[in-house]
Amino acid sequence: ESTALDENGSPVEYWDGTFKGDKVPMGAYAWRIVATFTDDEKWPSDQCSTDEDGNKIVGYGTVTLIR
């Protein structure tokens, strides 16, 4: 999870292959992006939907971790 953005609003952090400080095993992992904007504007995306808390889900996919 990250809320760090640069001056243009782009993410500045990345996943380093750990969870709560421990390395995770090799494998495929699912990810999703949840964005809530202060002005309630939707992130432009064809995949945009809403989760159970009303947050905008603007993207999802998988990443394969190999060491």
C-alpha atoms as a PDB file:
ATOM      1  CA  GLU A   1       0.000   0.000   0.000  1.00  0.00           C
ATOM      2  CA  SER A   2       1.229   3.461  -0.804  1.00  0.00           C
ATOM      3  CA  THR A   3      -0.100   6.979  -0.943  1.00  0.00           C
ATOM      4  CA  ALA A   4       3.208   8.576  -2.036  1.00  0.00           C
ATOM      5  CA  LEU A   5       2.905  10.598  -5.254  1.00  0.00           C
ATOM      6  CA  ASP A   6       5.232  12.936  -7.124  1.00  0.00           C
ATOM      7  CA  GLU A   7       4.297  16.518  -8.051  1.00  0.00           C
ATOM      8  CA  ASN A   8       2.444  15.221 -11.144  1.00  0.00           C
ATOM      9  CA  GLY A   9       0.349  12.752  -9.148  1.00  0.00           C
ATOM     10  CA  SER A  10       2.247   9.630 -10.291  1.00  0.00           C
ATOM     11  CA  PRO A  11       3.219   6.885  -7.810  1.00  0.00           C
ATOM     12  CA  VAL A  12       6.815   7.050  -6.569  1.00  0.00           C
ATOM     13  CA  GLU A  13       7.002   3.734  -4.699  1.00  0.00           C
ATOM     14  CA  TYR A  14       7.036   0.147  -5.922  1.00  0.00           C
ATOM     15  CA  TRP A  15       6.601  -3.384  -4.562  1.00  0.00           C
ATOM     16  CA  ASP A  16       9.911  -4.860  -3.425  1.00  0.00           C
ATOM     17  CA  GLY A  17       8.761  -8.500  -3.174  1.00  0.00           C
ATOM     18  CA  THR A  18       8.037  -8.362   0.554  1.00  0.00           C
ATOM     19  CA  PHE A  19       4.945  -8.419   2.763  1.00  0.00           C
ATOM     20  CA  LYS A  20       5.195  -6.901   6.252  1.00  0.00           C
ATOM     21  CA  GLY A  21       8.983  -6.955   5.920  1.00  0.00           C
ATOM     22  CA  ASP A  22       9.311 -10.635   4.926  1.00  0.00           C
ATOM     23  CA  LYS A  23      10.215 -11.881   1.437  1.00  0.00           C
ATOM     24  CA  VAL A  24       7.283 -13.609  -0.241  1.00  0.00           C
ATOM     25  CA  PRO A  25       7.686 -16.883  -2.176  1.00  0.00           C
ATOM     26  CA  MET A  26       8.075 -16.940  -5.949  1.00  0.00           C
ATOM     27  CA  GLY A  27       4.746 -17.040  -7.730  1.00  0.00           C
ATOM     28  CA  ALA A  28       1.982 -15.017  -9.355  1.00  0.00           C
ATOM     29  CA  TYR A  29       0.376 -12.252  -7.303  1.00  0.00           C
ATOM     30  CA  ALA A  30      -2.740 -10.219  -8.023  1.00  0.00           C
ATOM     31  CA  TRP A  31      -2.781  -6.448  -7.643  1.00  0.00           C
ATOM     32  CA  ARG A  32      -5.372  -3.734  -7.866  1.00  0.00           C
ATOM     33  CA  ILE A  33      -5.352   0.019  -7.678  1.00  0.00           C
ATOM     34  CA  VAL A  34      -7.909   1.768  -5.499  1.00  0.00           C
ATOM     35  CA  ALA A  35      -8.078   5.548  -5.812  1.00  0.00           C
ATOM     36  CA  THR A  36     -10.235   8.027  -3.952  1.00  0.00           C
ATOM     37  CA  PHE A  37      -9.807  11.633  -5.031  1.00  0.00           C
ATOM     38  CA  THR A  38     -10.572  14.636  -2.847  1.00  0.00           C
ATOM     39  CA  ASP A  39     -12.655  16.229  -5.620  1.00  0.00           C
ATOM     40  CA  ASP A  40     -14.552  12.947  -6.371  1.00  0.00           C
ATOM     41  CA  GLU A  41     -13.292  13.000  -9.975  1.00  0.00           C
ATOM     42  CA  LYS A  42     -13.028   9.522 -11.533  1.00  0.00           C
ATOM     43  CA  TRP A  43      -9.665   8.265 -12.742  1.00  0.00           C
ATOM     44  CA  PRO A  44     -10.068   7.796 -16.514  1.00  0.00           C
ATOM     45  CA  SER A  45     -10.173   4.044 -17.102  1.00  0.00           C
ATOM     46  CA  ASP A  46     -12.232   1.541 -19.035  1.00  0.00           C
ATOM     47  CA  GLN A  47     -11.958  -0.830 -16.047  1.00  0.00           C
ATOM     48  CA  CYS A  48     -13.268   1.675 -13.487  1.00  0.00           C
ATOM     49  CA  SER A  49     -15.674   0.213 -10.945  1.00  0.00           C
ATOM     50  CA  THR A  50     -16.387   0.654  -7.232  1.00  0.00           C
ATOM     51  CA  ASP A  51     -15.456  -1.617  -4.319  1.00  0.00           C
ATOM     52  CA  GLU A  52     -17.610  -2.448  -1.290  1.00  0.00           C
ATOM     53  CA  ASP A  53     -16.477   0.746   0.514  1.00  0.00           C
ATOM     54  CA  GLY A  54     -17.274   3.034  -2.400  1.00  0.00           C
ATOM     55  CA  ASN A  55     -13.618   3.485  -3.422  1.00  0.00           C
ATOM     56  CA  LYS A  56     -12.851   3.628  -7.130  1.00  0.00           C
ATOM     57  CA  ILE A  57     -11.037   0.533  -8.425  1.00  0.00           C
ATOM     58  CA  VAL A  58      -9.191   1.763 -11.478  1.00  0.00           C
ATOM     59  CA  GLY A  59      -6.961  -1.118 -12.396  1.00  0.00           C
ATOM     60  CA  TYR A  60      -6.008  -4.679 -11.664  1.00  0.00           C
ATOM     61  CA  GLY A  61      -3.664  -7.378 -12.928  1.00  0.00           C
ATOM     62  CA  THR A  62      -0.975  -9.858 -11.942  1.00  0.00           C
ATOM     63  CA  VAL A  63       2.757  -9.781 -11.376  1.00  0.00           C
ATOM     64  CA  THR A  64       5.021 -12.838 -11.355  1.00  0.00           C
ATOM     65  CA  LEU A  65       7.811 -12.806  -8.775  1.00  0.00           C
ATOM     66  CA  ILE A  66      10.976 -14.754  -9.585  1.00  0.00           C
ATOM     67  CA  ARG A  67      14.212 -14.699  -7.602  1.00  0.00           C
END
